[in-house]
Amino acid sequence: MIEPTLSTEELFLILYCIVDDLYPEVAPDWVRFRRSADQMGLSDSEVITLSIMQEGRSNDSELSFHRVVEKDYLHLFPGLISRSRYHRRRKNLMGIQREMLRSLMNRFRLLAMWLSMDSAPITTAESPRWKSAQMSIWAAEAGFSPSKRQFFLGFRLHLLMSSTGAICDFVLSPANVGERRAQGHLLDVESAWQQKQSALYSEARPVLADNGYCGDWLTGLFGKNGGALWYALRRSKEAASREEATLRAWHRGLRARIESVFGSLQDQFRMEETRARSVWGIMTRTVAKLLAYMVGFLANELLGRPGTALKSLYR
């Protein structure tokens, strides 16, 4: 199935089946069997399915997405609730969505031959609106984006990516937190995870990083726990030999995977601009976008398609 052959109704059903299988694994009993659970017209799995489809189709407006579902797909969601209730239910289920994401990340983490890490900005306001934006999103801080060469107010998303393009771990931090500090936490978690899986891995899987993480401090910190961090040298430093130039080109080729994934998160899932108006909203939209990516990745593999072919899946 290289070409997309799924209708929207079929995609809704596939997403719902994946979510409904994950829900009992991650949801605690006090959530699954709460007092009002049997009286809800729209189940938790259906709310999360709608959230995934909304993010996968790059629809930042909950109002317009709700109208489309109400007009064209009410036969799939006969118990559809109002837009305001859908918004509240979606935010209340953020913890369940995060655990679903964690379950999928751990599943694909086992299959990774090597990992790659990088970060991207999440902008909450441009320069003239910083003061008013910080009143509602108090955790947002000012940071600098080297790729865009400009300052922004918001957060920074740090990702740990597998060799196949699956997300293995993430950290959401204020924009003023150093990249090495946040990635140091991810590397600590990765080294602890590898030690638990020592029976499966005779050697530590390498983690690839760009020149923003160069230096002996982060490498030594990860190496103490048995990890291997391979970082790129700065372009201003010329290669000492032809072998080193070849090694740099090989390193850039492998890291192209995470660059393409960040491009997908930015272009299709609009990760850099969540349009949220609170810290909880930022967290909800970020988790929902990452979950939409991973559920779509799993759906593609189940359909025999490339995992990262998400644009054709959520067409």
Protein backbone atom coordinates (compact mmCIF):
# COMPACT_ATOMS: atom_id res chain seq x y z
CA MET A 1 0.00 0.00 0.00
CA ILE A 2 2.41 2.64 -1.22
CA GLU A 3 -0.40 4.88 -2.46
CA PRO A 4 -3.13 5.99 -0.03
CA THR A 5 -6.22 3.82 -0.40
CA LEU A 6 -8.02 4.54 2.86
CA SER A 7 -11.20 6.55 3.06
CA THR A 8 -11.76 8.88 5.99
CA GLU A 9 -14.26 6.46 7.52
CA GLU A 10 -11.75 3.60 7.31
CA LEU A 11 -9.03 5.75 8.85
CA PHE A 12 -11.34 6.72 11.71
CA LEU A 13 -12.01 3.02 12.38
CA ILE A 14 -8.31 2.09 12.30
CA LEU A 15 -7.38 4.92 14.66
CA TYR A 16 -10.22 4.00 16.99
CA CYS A 17 -9.16 0.34 17.11
CA ILE A 18 -5.58 1.30 18.00
CA VAL A 19 -6.71 3.76 20.67
CA ASP A 20 -9.30 1.38 22.11
CA ASP A 21 -6.65 -1.36 22.44
CA LEU A 22 -4.26 0.99 24.24
CA TYR A 23 -6.88 2.54 26.52
CA PRO A 24 -7.38 -0.39 28.97
CA GLU A 25 -3.60 -0.86 29.18
CA VAL A 26 -2.84 2.68 30.36
CA ALA A 27 -6.06 3.96 31.96
CA PRO A 28 -6.39 3.23 35.71
CA ASP A 29 -9.55 1.60 37.00
CA TRP A 30 -10.78 4.75 38.73
CA VAL A 31 -10.84 6.43 35.30
CA ARG A 32 -12.28 3.55 33.31
CA PHE A 33 -15.02 2.74 35.83
CA ARG A 34 -15.82 6.22 37.15
CA ARG A 35 -19.39 6.92 38.13
CA SER A 36 -20.45 8.69 34.94
CA ALA A 37 -18.60 6.44 32.49
CA ASP A 38 -21.66 4.43 31.45
CA GLN A 39 -23.73 7.59 30.93
CA MET A 40 -21.40 9.35 28.49
CA GLY A 41 -22.56 9.42 24.90
CA LEU A 42 -18.98 9.76 23.67
CA SER A 43 -16.43 7.38 25.16
CA ASP A 44 -12.88 8.35 26.12
CA SER A 45 -11.50 6.33 23.19
CA GLU A 46 -13.71 8.25 20.78
CA VAL A 47 -12.59 11.61 22.21
CA ILE A 48 -8.93 10.64 21.81
CA THR A 49 -9.60 9.34 18.28
CA LEU A 50 -11.13 12.68 17.32
CA SER A 51 -8.17 14.49 18.88
CA ILE A 52 -5.71 12.39 16.86
CA MET A 53 -7.57 12.99 13.61
CA GLN A 54 -7.77 16.71 14.30
CA GLU A 55 -4.01 17.00 14.81
CA GLY A 56 -3.17 14.66 11.93
CA ARG A 57 -5.20 16.78 9.53
CA SER A 58 -3.53 20.01 10.64
CA ASN A 59 -6.79 21.46 11.92
CA ASP A 60 -5.82 23.85 14.70
CA SER A 61 -9.39 25.10 15.13
CA GLU A 62 -11.45 22.80 17.32
CA LEU A 63 -14.61 24.64 16.27
CA SER A 64 -14.15 24.02 12.54
CA PHE A 65 -13.10 20.38 13.10
CA HIS A 66 -16.14 19.78 15.32
CA ARG A 67 -18.40 21.20 12.61
CA VAL A 68 -16.88 18.91 9.97
CA VAL A 69 -17.41 15.83 12.18
CA GLU A 70 -20.95 16.91 13.01
CA LYS A 71 -21.78 17.45 9.35
CA ASP A 72 -20.07 14.51 7.62
CA TYR A 73 -19.19 11.84 10.20
CA LEU A 74 -21.99 11.89 12.74
CA HIS A 75 -22.85 8.32 11.75
CA LEU A 76 -19.47 7.26 13.18
CA PHE A 77 -19.89 9.31 16.38
CA PRO A 78 -23.64 9.35 17.10
CA GLY A 79 -23.02 10.50 20.67
CA LEU A 80 -21.00 13.56 19.60
CA ILE A 81 -20.93 16.17 22.37
CA SER A 82 -20.77 19.94 22.05
CA ARG A 83 -17.54 21.64 21.09
CA SER A 84 -16.98 23.09 24.57
CA ARG A 85 -17.45 19.70 26.25
CA TYR A 86 -15.15 18.08 23.70
CA HIS A 87 -12.52 20.70 24.53
CA ARG A 88 -12.81 20.00 28.29
CA ARG A 89 -12.82 16.22 27.86
CA ARG A 90 -9.78 16.43 25.63
CA LYS A 91 -7.80 18.43 28.18
CA ASN A 92 -8.92 16.18 31.03
CA LEU A 93 -7.67 13.14 29.12
CA MET A 94 -4.20 14.58 28.60
CA GLY A 95 -2.71 12.17 31.16
CA ILE A 96 -4.25 9.15 29.40
CA GLN A 97 -2.95 10.37 26.04
CA ARG A 98 0.51 10.82 27.54
CA GLU A 99 0.52 7.24 28.83
CA MET A 100 -0.61 5.97 25.43
CA LEU A 101 2.25 7.89 23.88
CA ARG A 102 4.66 6.43 26.43
CA SER A 103 3.46 2.90 25.64
CA LEU A 104 4.01 3.39 21.90
CA MET A 105 7.41 5.00 22.43
CA ASN A 106 8.61 2.07 24.53
CA ARG A 107 7.36 -0.37 21.91
CA PHE A 108 9.39 1.21 19.10
CA ARG A 109 12.34 1.91 21.39
CA LEU A 110 13.05 -1.80 21.53
CA LEU A 111 13.48 -1.97 17.75
CA ALA A 112 15.88 0.97 17.33
CA MET A 113 19.40 0.23 16.10
CA TRP A 114 20.55 3.76 16.91
CA LEU A 115 18.98 6.93 18.26
CA SER A 116 19.15 10.58 17.34
CA MET A 117 18.32 13.70 19.35
CA ASP A 118 17.47 17.30 18.56
CA SER A 119 15.11 20.11 19.60
CA ALA A 120 12.71 22.59 18.03
CA PRO A 121 10.97 25.76 19.30
CA ILE A 122 7.29 26.03 20.18
CA THR A 123 6.30 29.67 19.79
CA THR A 124 3.49 31.12 21.91
CA ALA A 125 3.88 34.78 20.92
CA GLU A 126 5.93 37.04 18.73
CA SER A 127 7.99 39.89 20.13
CA PRO A 128 5.31 42.66 20.43
CA ARG A 129 2.94 40.36 22.37
CA TRP A 130 5.38 38.88 24.89
CA LYS A 131 4.07 40.76 27.92
CA SER A 132 0.39 39.97 27.35
CA ALA A 133 1.14 36.34 26.45
CA GLN A 134 3.13 35.73 29.64
CA MET A 135 0.13 36.75 31.74
CA SER A 136 -1.81 33.64 30.61
CA ILE A 137 1.10 31.31 29.78
CA TRP A 138 3.27 31.98 32.81
CA ALA A 139 5.82 29.22 32.10
CA ALA A 140 6.74 30.59 28.66
CA GLU A 141 10.21 32.07 28.47
CA ALA A 142 12.31 33.85 25.86
CA GLY A 143 14.70 31.77 23.81
CA PHE A 144 16.72 31.89 20.62
CA SER A 145 16.18 29.75 17.53
CA PRO A 146 19.48 29.23 15.64
CA SER A 147 17.71 27.92 12.52
CA LYS A 148 15.52 31.02 12.23
CA ARG A 149 18.09 33.32 13.81
CA GLN A 150 15.53 35.09 15.94
CA PHE A 151 14.24 35.23 19.50
CA PHE A 152 10.86 33.79 20.45
CA LEU A 153 8.65 33.40 23.50
CA GLY A 154 7.53 29.91 24.33
CA PHE A 155 8.90 26.45 24.92
CA ARG A 156 11.33 23.99 23.38
CA LEU A 157 10.55 20.41 22.44
CA HIS A 158 13.44 17.96 22.84
CA LEU A 159 13.08 14.60 21.06
CA LEU A 160 14.88 11.28 21.08
CA MET A 161 14.25 9.56 17.74
CA SER A 162 14.79 5.96 16.61
CA SER A 163 16.55 4.89 13.44
CA THR A 164 13.17 4.17 11.81
CA GLY A 165 11.74 7.62 12.54
CA ALA A 166 9.67 6.73 15.61
CA ILE A 167 9.66 9.01 18.65
CA CYS A 168 11.28 7.28 21.64
CA ASP A 169 11.21 10.01 24.30
CA PHE A 170 10.56 13.72 24.67
CA VAL A 171 10.92 16.63 27.07
CA LEU A 172 8.99 19.91 26.94
CA SER A 173 10.93 22.73 28.60
CA PRO A 174 10.78 26.54 28.75
CA ALA A 175 12.68 28.13 25.89
CA ASN A 176 15.41 29.52 28.15
CA VAL A 177 16.47 26.07 29.42
CA GLY A 178 19.73 24.98 27.78
CA GLU A 179 19.51 22.25 25.18
CA ARG A 180 22.34 20.27 26.76
CA ARG A 181 20.61 20.32 30.14
CA ALA A 182 17.34 18.94 28.75
CA GLN A 183 19.06 16.41 26.53
CA GLY A 184 21.20 15.36 29.49
CA HIS A 185 17.98 14.27 31.19
CA LEU A 186 16.93 12.31 28.09
CA LEU A 187 20.34 10.62 27.96
CA ASP A 188 20.10 9.69 31.65
CA VAL A 189 16.73 8.05 31.00
CA GLU A 190 18.09 6.29 27.92
CA SER A 191 21.15 4.92 29.73
CA ALA A 192 18.97 3.62 32.57
CA TRP A 193 16.63 2.02 30.04
CA GLN A 194 19.51 0.36 28.20
CA GLN A 195 20.86 -1.07 31.44
CA LYS A 196 17.47 -2.67 32.12
CA GLN A 197 17.53 -4.17 28.63
CA SER A 198 21.14 -5.39 28.91
CA ALA A 199 20.07 -8.92 28.04
CA LEU A 200 18.93 -7.70 24.61
CA TYR A 201 21.85 -5.41 23.80
CA SER A 202 25.43 -6.62 24.05
CA GLU A 203 26.66 -3.10 23.23
CA ALA A 204 25.13 0.27 23.96
CA ARG A 205 23.21 1.82 21.07
CA PRO A 206 24.81 5.06 19.88
CA VAL A 207 22.96 8.36 20.10
CA LEU A 208 23.64 10.82 17.26
CA ALA A 209 23.65 14.57 17.90
CA ASP A 210 24.43 17.68 15.87
CA ASN A 211 27.19 20.18 16.58
CA GLY A 212 25.01 21.98 19.13
CA TYR A 213 25.77 19.16 21.57
CA CYS A 214 29.50 18.94 20.91
CA GLY A 215 31.83 18.88 23.87
CA ASP A 216 33.22 16.40 26.37
CA TRP A 217 30.83 17.26 29.23
CA LEU A 218 27.69 15.68 27.77
CA THR A 219 29.63 12.83 26.18
CA GLY A 220 31.37 12.00 29.45
CA LEU A 221 28.12 12.19 31.40
CA PHE A 222 26.42 9.73 29.07
CA GLY A 223 29.53 7.55 28.83
CA LYS A 224 29.68 7.03 32.60
CA ASN A 225 26.39 5.16 32.35
CA GLY A 226 27.54 2.99 29.47
CA GLY A 227 26.17 5.11 26.63
CA ALA A 228 27.86 6.25 23.42
CA LEU A 229 27.16 9.79 22.19
CA TRP A 230 28.34 10.64 18.66
CA TYR A 231 28.18 14.37 18.00
CA ALA A 232 29.03 16.28 14.84
CA LEU A 233 31.93 18.68 14.76
CA ARG A 234 31.27 22.31 13.91
CA ARG A 235 31.46 23.19 10.23
CA SER A 236 33.99 25.92 11.00
CA LYS A 237 36.46 23.19 11.95
CA GLU A 238 37.88 21.61 8.83
CA ALA A 239 38.25 17.86 8.54
CA ALA A 240 41.76 16.66 9.39
CA SER A 241 41.68 13.85 6.82
CA ARG A 242 39.60 12.34 4.05
CA GLU A 243 38.40 9.65 6.43
CA GLU A 244 37.11 12.28 8.84
CA ALA A 245 35.29 14.07 6.00
CA THR A 246 33.68 10.76 4.99
CA LEU A 247 32.67 10.13 8.61
CA ARG A 248 31.06 13.55 8.82
CA ALA A 249 29.06 12.92 5.64
CA TRP A 250 27.94 9.54 6.98
CA HIS A 251 26.87 11.18 10.25
CA ARG A 252 24.87 13.87 8.42
CA GLY A 253 23.16 11.19 6.33
CA LEU A 254 21.95 9.34 9.40
CA ARG A 255 20.81 12.53 11.10
CA ALA A 256 18.72 13.44 8.08
CA ARG A 257 16.05 11.15 9.54
CA ILE A 258 15.36 13.31 12.59
CA GLU A 259 15.50 16.47 10.48
CA SER A 260 12.74 15.06 8.25
CA VAL A 261 10.67 14.10 11.29
CA PHE A 262 10.92 17.62 12.72
CA GLY A 263 9.94 18.91 9.29
CA SER A 264 6.85 16.69 9.36
CA LEU A 265 5.94 17.83 12.88
CA GLN A 266 6.25 21.44 11.78
CA ASP A 267 4.55 21.30 8.37
CA GLN A 268 1.79 18.75 8.91
CA PHE A 269 1.19 18.80 12.67
CA ARG A 270 2.07 22.50 13.12
CA MET A 271 4.06 21.77 16.25
CA GLU A 272 5.73 25.16 16.42
CA GLU A 273 2.43 27.04 16.75
CA THR A 274 -0.10 25.29 18.97
CA ARG A 275 -2.45 28.31 19.35
CA ALA A 276 -2.98 27.31 22.99
CA ARG A 277 -3.69 29.99 25.59
CA SER A 278 -2.54 28.28 28.78
CA VAL A 279 0.23 26.02 30.02
CA TRP A 280 -2.17 23.09 30.28
CA GLY A 281 -3.32 23.81 26.74
CA ILE A 282 0.28 23.79 25.49
CA MET A 283 0.88 20.43 27.15
CA THR A 284 -2.38 18.99 25.81
CA ARG A 285 -1.76 20.07 22.23
CA THR A 286 1.87 18.91 22.29
CA VAL A 287 1.00 15.46 23.63
CA ALA A 288 -1.91 15.18 21.17
CA LYS A 289 0.33 16.04 18.20
CA LEU A 290 3.02 13.55 19.25
CA LEU A 291 0.38 10.88 19.86
CA ALA A 292 -1.12 11.55 16.41
CA TYR A 293 2.34 11.08 14.92
CA MET A 294 2.96 7.79 16.74
CA VAL A 295 -0.51 6.31 16.18
CA GLY A 296 -0.21 7.16 12.49
CA PHE A 297 3.28 5.62 12.46
CA LEU A 298 1.89 2.40 13.93
CA ALA A 299 -1.08 2.40 11.53
CA ASN A 300 1.26 2.74 8.56
CA GLU A 301 3.37 -0.20 9.68
CA LEU A 302 0.26 -2.34 10.21
CA LEU A 303 -0.86 -1.45 6.68
CA GLY A 304 2.53 -2.31 5.19
CA ARG A 305 3.39 1.31 4.44
CA PRO A 306 6.47 3.33 5.43
CA GLY A 307 5.99 4.48 9.01
CA THR A 308 6.81 8.10 8.28
CA ALA A 309 4.38 8.39 5.33
CA LEU A 310 1.92 10.32 7.48
CA LYS A 311 0.94 13.01 4.99
CA SER A 312 -0.68 10.48 2.68
CA LEU A 313 -2.31 8.71 5.64
CA TYR A 314 -3.98 11.81 7.09
CA ARG A 315 -4.83 13.24 3.67
